[in-house]
Each structure stands twice: as C-alpha cells, then as structure tokens.
Amino acid sequence: MLLALGAFAWDAALATLAALGASLPRPKPRFGHAAELRVGEWTLLGSYHPSQQNTFTGRLTPAMLDAVVLRASALVNV
C-alpha cells in the first residue's frame, strides 16, 4: 500500500512502480484526492498534500485527510 501526499508523490510512485516492472494502465492514471489505483500487488492511494496552502484554503480538511488515512489503514489490514 502506497499513500501519495500530493501530485508530485503520485507521479513518483507511478515511476517507481514502472521501474520495478509493474504494468501501468494507459493513459497514465490522474492524481486526485482519494484516487485509488491497483497495480499488481500494490494499491496506490492519493491525497492532497497537507500543506498550509491546502489546509488554510480548505482544499484539504481534517475530515478529508482522516478519510484517506482510514482507507489506507483498511487496505493494509485486509
């Protein structure tokens, strides 16, 4: 299970999975908050980065981040 905090981390995770030989879907999966992608044995979960810009503007709320972390926890405990 991989949790990508932000689009930069999402792209880096996709590049890392590709470098490890994973077959990624085409076109490249887009980043978004709570985006979820299954790649082989891995699940990639996206979240907006908890930066001041995102939290002060309300783009990312505590409830939104909690929901993504709970989803990540559920995926790990499967």
PDB file of N, CA and C in Angstrom:
ATOM      1  N   MET A   1       0.851  -1.161   0.000  1.00  0.00           N
ATOM      2  CA  MET A   1       0.000   0.000   0.000  1.00  0.00           C
ATOM      3  C   MET A   1       0.901   1.230   0.000  1.00  0.00           C
ATOM      4  N   LEU A   2       0.633   2.118  -0.913  1.00  0.00           N
ATOM      5  CA  LEU A   2       1.389   3.362  -1.018  1.00  0.00           C
ATOM      6  C   LEU A   2       0.418   4.523  -0.866  1.00  0.00           C
ATOM      7  N   LEU A   3       0.763   5.483  -0.018  1.00  0.00           N
ATOM      8  CA  LEU A   3      -0.043   6.690   0.154  1.00  0.00           C
ATOM      9  C   LEU A   3       0.767   7.863  -0.370  1.00  0.00           C
ATOM     10  N   ALA A   4       0.277   8.460  -1.445  1.00  0.00           N
ATOM     11  CA  ALA A   4       0.968   9.583  -2.079  1.00  0.00           C
ATOM     12  C   ALA A   4       0.349  10.892  -1.598  1.00  0.00           C
ATOM     13  N   LEU A   5       1.147  11.701  -0.936  1.00  0.00           N
ATOM     14  CA  LEU A   5       0.677  13.003  -0.452  1.00  0.00           C
ATOM     15  C   LEU A   5       1.035  14.065  -1.485  1.00  0.00           C
ATOM     16  N   GLY A   6       0.134  14.279  -2.434  1.00  0.00           N
ATOM     17  CA  GLY A   6       0.331  15.275  -3.473  1.00  0.00           C
ATOM     18  C   GLY A   6       0.616  14.655  -4.826  1.00  0.00           C
ATOM     19  N   ALA A   7       0.442  15.476  -5.863  1.00  0.00           N
ATOM     20  CA  ALA A   7       0.621  15.021  -7.239  1.00  0.00           C
ATOM     21  C   ALA A   7       2.071  14.623  -7.521  1.00  0.00           C
ATOM     22  N   PHE A   8       3.015  15.347  -6.934  1.00  0.00           N
ATOM     23  CA  PHE A   8       4.423  15.020  -7.135  1.00  0.00           C
ATOM     24  C   PHE A   8       4.710  13.605  -6.621  1.00  0.00           C
ATOM     25  N   ALA A   9       4.197  13.282  -5.433  1.00  0.00           N
ATOM     26  CA  ALA A   9       4.398  11.945  -4.864  1.00  0.00           C
ATOM     27  C   ALA A   9       3.667  10.887  -5.680  1.00  0.00           C
ATOM     28  N   TRP A  10       2.488  11.220  -6.206  1.00  0.00           N
ATOM     29  CA  TRP A  10       1.725  10.295  -7.057  1.00  0.00           C
ATOM     30  C   TRP A  10       2.550   9.922  -8.295  1.00  0.00           C
ATOM     31  N   ASP A  11       3.097  10.940  -8.953  1.00  0.00           N
ATOM     32  CA  ASP A  11       3.906  10.696 -10.150  1.00  0.00           C
ATOM     33  C   ASP A  11       5.168   9.902  -9.816  1.00  0.00           C
ATOM     34  N   ALA A  12       5.786  10.206  -8.675  1.00  0.00           N
ATOM     35  CA  ALA A  12       6.985   9.478  -8.262  1.00  0.00           C
ATOM     36  C   ALA A  12       6.661   8.016  -7.950  1.00  0.00           C
ATOM     37  N   ALA A  13       5.523   7.771  -7.338  1.00  0.00           N
ATOM     38  CA  ALA A  13       5.118   6.399  -7.035  1.00  0.00           C
ATOM     39  C   ALA A  13       4.860   5.624  -8.326  1.00  0.00           C
ATOM     40  N   LEU A  14       4.198   6.259  -9.291  1.00  0.00           N
ATOM     41  CA  LEU A  14       3.969   5.597 -10.574  1.00  0.00           C
ATOM     42  C   LEU A  14       5.286   5.283 -11.271  1.00  0.00           C
ATOM     43  N   ALA A  15       6.221   6.214 -11.250  1.00  0.00           N
ATOM     44  CA  ALA A  15       7.530   5.988 -11.868  1.00  0.00           C
ATOM     45  C   ALA A  15       8.274   4.859 -11.163  1.00  0.00           C
ATOM     46  N   THR A  16       8.182   4.810  -9.858  1.00  0.00           N
ATOM     47  CA  THR A  16       8.849   3.756  -9.096  1.00  0.00           C
ATOM     48  C   THR A  16       8.242   2.399  -9.407  1.00  0.00           C
ATOM     49  N   LEU A  17       6.915   2.334  -9.453  1.00  0.00           N
ATOM     50  CA  LEU A  17       6.261   1.068  -9.795  1.00  0.00           C
ATOM     51  C   LEU A  17       6.654   0.606 -11.197  1.00  0.00           C
ATOM     52  N   ALA A  18       6.706   1.545 -12.134  1.00  0.00           N
ATOM     53  CA  ALA A  18       7.126   1.200 -13.501  1.00  0.00           C
ATOM     54  C   ALA A  18       8.565   0.694 -13.512  1.00  0.00           C
ATOM     55  N   ALA A  19       9.439   1.352 -12.735  1.00  0.00           N
ATOM     56  CA  ALA A  19      10.841   0.935 -12.669  1.00  0.00           C
ATOM     57  C   ALA A  19      10.984  -0.458 -12.054  1.00  0.00           C
ATOM     58  N   LEU A  20      10.033  -0.833 -11.210  1.00  0.00           N
ATOM     59  CA  LEU A  20      10.045  -2.165 -10.606  1.00  0.00           C
ATOM     60  C   LEU A  20       9.415  -3.211 -11.519  1.00  0.00           C
ATOM     61  N   GLY A  21       8.966  -2.771 -12.691  1.00  0.00           N
ATOM     62  CA  GLY A  21       8.430  -3.709 -13.668  1.00  0.00           C
ATOM     63  C   GLY A  21       6.917  -3.834 -13.690  1.00  0.00           C
ATOM     64  N   ALA A  22       6.234  -3.002 -12.918  1.00  0.00           N
ATOM     65  CA  ALA A  22       4.771  -3.057 -12.900  1.00  0.00           C
ATOM     66  C   ALA A  22       4.216  -2.558 -14.229  1.00  0.00           C
ATOM     67  N   SER A  23       3.133  -3.152 -14.649  1.00  0.00           N
ATOM     68  CA  SER A  23       2.453  -2.738 -15.863  1.00  0.00           C
ATOM     69  C   SER A  23       1.405  -1.693 -15.498  1.00  0.00           C
ATOM     70  N   LEU A  24       1.644  -0.447 -15.902  1.00  0.00           N
ATOM     71  CA  LEU A  24       0.731   0.643 -15.570  1.00  0.00           C
ATOM     72  C   LEU A  24      -0.298   0.827 -16.672  1.00  0.00           C
ATOM     73  N   PRO A  25      -1.522   1.190 -16.294  1.00  0.00           N
ATOM     74  CA  PRO A  25      -2.539   1.436 -17.314  1.00  0.00           C
ATOM     75  C   PRO A  25      -2.213   2.678 -18.131  1.00  0.00           C
ATOM     76  N   ARG A  26      -2.688   2.689 -19.374  1.00  0.00           N
ATOM     77  CA  ARG A  26      -2.537   3.854 -20.254  1.00  0.00           C
ATOM     78  C   ARG A  26      -3.914   4.370 -20.584  1.00  0.00           C
ATOM     79  N   PRO A  27      -4.193   5.649 -20.577  1.00  0.00           N
ATOM     80  CA  PRO A  27      -3.254   6.716 -20.242  1.00  0.00           C
ATOM     81  C   PRO A  27      -2.895   6.694 -18.756  1.00  0.00           C
ATOM     82  N   LYS A  28      -1.865   7.440 -18.413  1.00  0.00           N
ATOM     83  CA  LYS A  28      -1.392   7.489 -17.033  1.00  0.00           C
ATOM     84  C   LYS A  28      -2.537   7.897 -16.104  1.00  0.00           C
ATOM     85  N   PRO A  29      -2.753   7.142 -15.029  1.00  0.00           N
ATOM     86  CA  PRO A  29      -3.815   7.482 -14.084  1.00  0.00           C
ATOM     87  C   PRO A  29      -3.600   8.870 -13.478  1.00  0.00           C
ATOM     88  N   ARG A  30      -4.668   9.635 -13.437  1.00  0.00           N
ATOM     89  CA  ARG A  30      -4.579  11.008 -12.933  1.00  0.00           C
ATOM     90  C   ARG A  30      -4.645  11.047 -11.419  1.00  0.00           C
ATOM     91  N   PHE A  31      -3.901  11.966 -10.858  1.00  0.00           N
ATOM     92  CA  PHE A  31      -3.924  12.200  -9.418  1.00  0.00           C
ATOM     93  C   PHE A  31      -5.200  12.942  -9.038  1.00  0.00           C
ATOM     94  N   GLY A  32      -5.695  12.636  -7.881  1.00  0.00           N
ATOM     95  CA  GLY A  32      -6.812  13.353  -7.286  1.00  0.00           C
ATOM     96  C   GLY A  32      -6.934  12.923  -5.840  1.00  0.00           C
ATOM     97  N   HIS A  33      -7.607  13.721  -5.053  1.00  0.00           N
ATOM     98  CA  HIS A  33      -7.785  13.343  -3.661  1.00  0.00           C
ATOM     99  C   HIS A  33      -8.646  12.084  -3.590  1.00  0.00           C
ATOM    100  N   ALA A  34      -8.171  11.100  -2.861  1.00  0.00           N
ATOM    101  CA  ALA A  34      -8.809   9.801  -2.669  1.00  0.00           C
ATOM    102  C   ALA A  34      -8.766   8.942  -3.934  1.00  0.00           C
ATOM    103  N   ALA A  35      -7.932   9.321  -4.912  1.00  0.00           N
ATOM    104  CA  ALA A  35      -7.744   8.471  -6.085  1.00  0.00           C
ATOM    105  C   ALA A  35      -7.113   7.167  -5.625  1.00  0.00           C
ATOM    106  N   GLU A  36      -7.561   6.077  -6.219  1.00  0.00           N
ATOM    107  CA  GLU A  36      -7.068   4.756  -5.828  1.00  0.00           C
ATOM    108  C   GLU A  36      -6.768   3.944  -7.082  1.00  0.00           C
ATOM    109  N   LEU A  37      -5.614   3.316  -7.084  1.00  0.00           N
ATOM    110  CA  LEU A  37      -5.181   2.542  -8.244  1.00  0.00           C
ATOM    111  C   LEU A  37      -4.538   1.257  -7.766  1.00  0.00           C
ATOM    112  N   ARG A  38      -5.000   0.151  -8.313  1.00  0.00           N
ATOM    113  CA  ARG A  38      -4.405  -1.155  -8.026  1.00  0.00           C
ATOM    114  C   ARG A  38      -3.425  -1.480  -9.141  1.00  0.00           C
ATOM    115  N   VAL A  39      -2.170  -1.731  -8.759  1.00  0.00           N
ATOM    116  CA  VAL A  39      -1.107  -2.079  -9.715  1.00  0.00           C
ATOM    117  C   VAL A  39      -0.425  -3.331  -9.185  1.00  0.00           C
ATOM    118  N   GLY A  40      -0.774  -4.468  -9.773  1.00  0.00           N
ATOM    119  CA  GLY A  40      -0.198  -5.722  -9.291  1.00  0.00           C
ATOM    120  C   GLY A  40      -0.559  -5.947  -7.837  1.00  0.00           C
ATOM    121  N   GLU A  41       0.446  -6.172  -7.025  1.00  0.00           N
ATOM    122  CA  GLU A  41       0.211  -6.398  -5.595  1.00  0.00           C
ATOM    123  C   GLU A  41       0.093  -5.092  -4.809  1.00  0.00           C
ATOM    124  N   TRP A  42       0.269  -3.971  -5.467  1.00  0.00           N
ATOM    125  CA  TRP A  42       0.269  -2.669  -4.801  1.00  0.00           C
ATOM    126  C   TRP A  42      -1.046  -1.927  -5.022  1.00  0.00           C
ATOM    127  N   THR A  43      -1.421  -1.141  -4.018  1.00  0.00           N
ATOM    128  CA  THR A  43      -2.512  -0.188  -4.164  1.00  0.00           C
ATOM    129  C   THR A  43      -1.926   1.185  -3.885  1.00  0.00           C
ATOM    130  N   LEU A  44      -2.142   2.095  -4.825  1.00  0.00           N
ATOM    131  CA  LEU A  44      -1.686   3.476  -4.685  1.00  0.00           C
ATOM    132  C   LEU A  44      -2.896   4.327  -4.347  1.00  0.00           C
ATOM    133  N   LEU A  45      -2.793   5.078  -3.270  1.00  0.00           N
ATOM    134  CA  LEU A  45      -3.865   5.938  -2.798  1.00  0.00           C
ATOM    135  C   LEU A  45      -3.347   7.366  -2.774  1.00  0.00           C
ATOM    136  N   GLY A  46      -4.111   8.292  -3.330  1.00  0.00           N
ATOM    137  CA  GLY A  46      -3.684   9.689  -3.399  1.00  0.00           C
ATOM    138  C   GLY A  46      -4.414  10.571  -2.414  1.00  0.00           C
ATOM    139  N   SER A  47      -3.727  11.600  -1.960  1.00  0.00           N
ATOM    140  CA  SER A  47      -4.322  12.613  -1.092  1.00  0.00           C
ATOM    141  C   SER A  47      -3.669  13.955  -1.398  1.00  0.00           C
ATOM    142  N   TYR A  48      -4.460  15.008  -1.295  1.00  0.00           N
ATOM    143  CA  TYR A  48      -3.851  16.325  -1.384  1.00  0.00           C
ATOM    144  C   TYR A  48      -2.804  16.438  -0.289  1.00  0.00           C
ATOM    145  N   HIS A  49      -1.732  17.145  -0.584  1.00  0.00           N
ATOM    146  CA  HIS A  49      -0.656  17.324   0.386  1.00  0.00           C
ATOM    147  C   HIS A  49      -1.162  18.194   1.543  1.00  0.00           C
ATOM    148  N   PRO A  50      -0.849  17.825   2.798  1.00  0.00           N
ATOM    149  CA  PRO A  50      -1.318  18.611   3.936  1.00  0.00           C
ATOM    150  C   PRO A  50      -0.473  19.865   4.184  1.00  0.00           C
ATOM    151  N   SER A  51      -0.295  20.647   3.143  1.00  0.00           N
ATOM    152  CA  SER A  51       0.473  21.891   3.258  1.00  0.00           C
ATOM    153  C   SER A  51      -0.421  22.997   3.811  1.00  0.00           C
ATOM    154  N   GLN A  52       0.197  24.093   4.245  1.00  0.00           N
ATOM    155  CA  GLN A  52      -0.583  25.239   4.728  1.00  0.00           C
ATOM    156  C   GLN A  52      -1.490  25.768   3.632  1.00  0.00           C
ATOM    157  N   GLN A  53      -0.995  25.801   2.416  1.00  0.00           N
ATOM    158  CA  GLN A  53      -1.805  26.301   1.309  1.00  0.00           C
ATOM    159  C   GLN A  53      -3.077  25.469   1.157  1.00  0.00           C
ATOM    160  N   ASN A  54      -2.963  24.161   1.219  1.00  0.00           N
ATOM    161  CA  ASN A  54      -4.137  23.308   1.052  1.00  0.00           C
ATOM    162  C   ASN A  54      -5.049  23.298   2.273  1.00  0.00           C
ATOM    163  N   THR A  55      -4.469  23.366   3.466  1.00  0.00           N
ATOM    164  CA  THR A  55      -5.310  23.315   4.665  1.00  0.00           C
ATOM    165  C   THR A  55      -5.939  24.670   4.978  1.00  0.00           C
ATOM    166  N   PHE A  56      -5.215  25.757   4.787  1.00  0.00           N
ATOM    167  CA  PHE A  56      -5.774  27.083   5.084  1.00  0.00           C
ATOM    168  C   PHE A  56      -6.877  27.465   4.114  1.00  0.00           C
ATOM    169  N   THR A  57      -6.792  26.989   2.873  1.00  0.00           N
ATOM    170  CA  THR A  57      -7.809  27.329   1.871  1.00  0.00           C
ATOM    171  C   THR A  57      -8.996  26.372   1.913  1.00  0.00           C
ATOM    172  N   GLY A  58      -8.890  25.303   2.674  1.00  0.00           N
ATOM    173  CA  GLY A  58      -9.979  24.338   2.764  1.00  0.00           C
ATOM    174  C   GLY A  58      -9.969  23.298   1.659  1.00  0.00           C
ATOM    175  N   ARG A  59      -8.956  23.333   0.808  1.00  0.00           N
ATOM    176  CA  ARG A  59      -8.860  22.304  -0.234  1.00  0.00           C
ATOM    177  C   ARG A  59      -8.721  20.923   0.400  1.00  0.00           C
ATOM    178  N   LEU A  60      -8.016  20.869   1.516  1.00  0.00           N
ATOM    179  CA  LEU A  60      -7.891  19.633   2.294  1.00  0.00           C
ATOM    180  C   LEU A  60      -8.342  19.921   3.719  1.00  0.00           C
ATOM    181  N   THR A  61      -9.398  19.249   4.142  1.00  0.00           N
ATOM    182  CA  THR A  61      -9.901  19.416   5.503  1.00  0.00           C
ATOM    183  C   THR A  61      -9.423  18.251   6.361  1.00  0.00           C
ATOM    184  N   PRO A  62      -9.458  18.419   7.684  1.00  0.00           N
ATOM    185  CA  PRO A  62      -9.091  17.294   8.547  1.00  0.00           C
ATOM    186  C   PRO A  62      -9.932  16.043   8.259  1.00  0.00           C
ATOM    187  N   ALA A  63     -11.206  16.226   7.985  1.00  0.00           N
ATOM    188  CA  ALA A  63     -12.066  15.072   7.698  1.00  0.00           C
ATOM    189  C   ALA A  63     -11.641  14.368   6.409  1.00  0.00           C
ATOM    190  N   MET A  64     -11.236  15.138   5.412  1.00  0.00           N
ATOM    191  CA  MET A  64     -10.787  14.540   4.150  1.00  0.00           C
ATOM    192  C   MET A  64      -9.523  13.712   4.366  1.00  0.00           C
ATOM    193  N   LEU A  65      -8.573  14.272   5.111  1.00  0.00           N
ATOM    194  CA  LEU A  65      -7.331  13.546   5.376  1.00  0.00           C
ATOM    195  C   LEU A  65      -7.602  12.311   6.225  1.00  0.00           C
ATOM    196  N   ASP A  66      -8.464  12.448   7.228  1.00  0.00           N
ATOM    197  CA  ASP A  66      -8.824  11.295   8.063  1.00  0.00           C
ATOM    198  C   ASP A  66      -9.415  10.174   7.220  1.00  0.00           C
ATOM    199  N   ALA A  67     -10.285  10.520   6.277  1.00  0.00           N
ATOM    200  CA  ALA A  67     -10.925   9.510   5.436  1.00  0.00           C
ATOM    201  C   ALA A  67      -9.895   8.746   4.604  1.00  0.00           C
ATOM    202  N   VAL A  68      -8.913   9.458   4.059  1.00  0.00           N
ATOM    203  CA  VAL A  68      -7.891   8.797   3.248  1.00  0.00           C
ATOM    204  C   VAL A  68      -7.007   7.907   4.124  1.00  0.00           C
ATOM    205  N   VAL A  69      -6.654   8.380   5.300  1.00  0.00           N
ATOM    206  CA  VAL A  69      -5.815   7.573   6.199  1.00  0.00           C
ATOM    207  C   VAL A  69      -6.586   6.336   6.669  1.00  0.00           C
ATOM    208  N   LEU A  70      -7.873   6.484   6.924  1.00  0.00           N
ATOM    209  CA  LEU A  70      -8.687   5.321   7.302  1.00  0.00           C
ATOM    210  C   LEU A  70      -8.775   4.318   6.154  1.00  0.00           C
ATOM    211  N   ARG A  71      -8.897   4.813   4.931  1.00  0.00           N
ATOM    212  CA  ARG A  71      -8.926   3.916   3.768  1.00  0.00           C
ATOM    213  C   ARG A  71      -7.584   3.183   3.641  1.00  0.00           C
ATOM    214  N   ALA A  72      -6.486   3.914   3.818  1.00  0.00           N
ATOM    215  CA  ALA A  72      -5.159   3.300   3.761  1.00  0.00           C
ATOM    216  C   ALA A  72      -5.022   2.228   4.835  1.00  0.00           C
ATOM    217  N   SER A  73      -5.499   2.519   6.017  1.00  0.00           N
ATOM    218  CA  SER A  73      -5.457   1.546   7.112  1.00  0.00           C
ATOM    219  C   SER A  73      -6.275   0.298   6.781  1.00  0.00           C
ATOM    220  N   ALA A  74      -7.433   0.500   6.168  1.00  0.00           N
ATOM    221  CA  ALA A  74      -8.270  -0.637   5.789  1.00  0.00           C
ATOM    222  C   ALA A  74      -7.576  -1.494   4.726  1.00  0.00           C
ATOM    223  N   LEU A  75      -6.884  -0.857   3.801  1.00  0.00           N
ATOM    224  CA  LEU A  75      -6.172  -1.600   2.759  1.00  0.00           C
ATOM    225  C   LEU A  75      -5.009  -2.408   3.338  1.00  0.00           C
ATOM    226  N   VAL A  76      -4.347  -1.864   4.330  1.00  0.00           N
ATOM    227  CA  VAL A  76      -3.213  -2.554   4.949  1.00  0.00           C
ATOM    228  C   VAL A  76      -3.701  -3.731   5.777  1.00  0.00           C
ATOM    229  N   ASN A  77      -4.858  -3.604   6.385  1.00  0.00           N
ATOM    230  CA  ASN A  77      -5.375  -4.635   7.286  1.00  0.00           C
ATOM    231  C   ASN A  77      -6.261  -5.661   6.590  1.00  0.00           C
ATOM    232  N   VAL A  78      -6.186  -5.736   5.274  1.00  0.00           N
ATOM    233  CA  VAL A  78      -7.019  -6.705   4.535  1.00  0.00           C
ATOM    234  C   VAL A  78      -6.508  -8.099   4.747  1.00  0.00           C
TER     235      VAL A  78
END
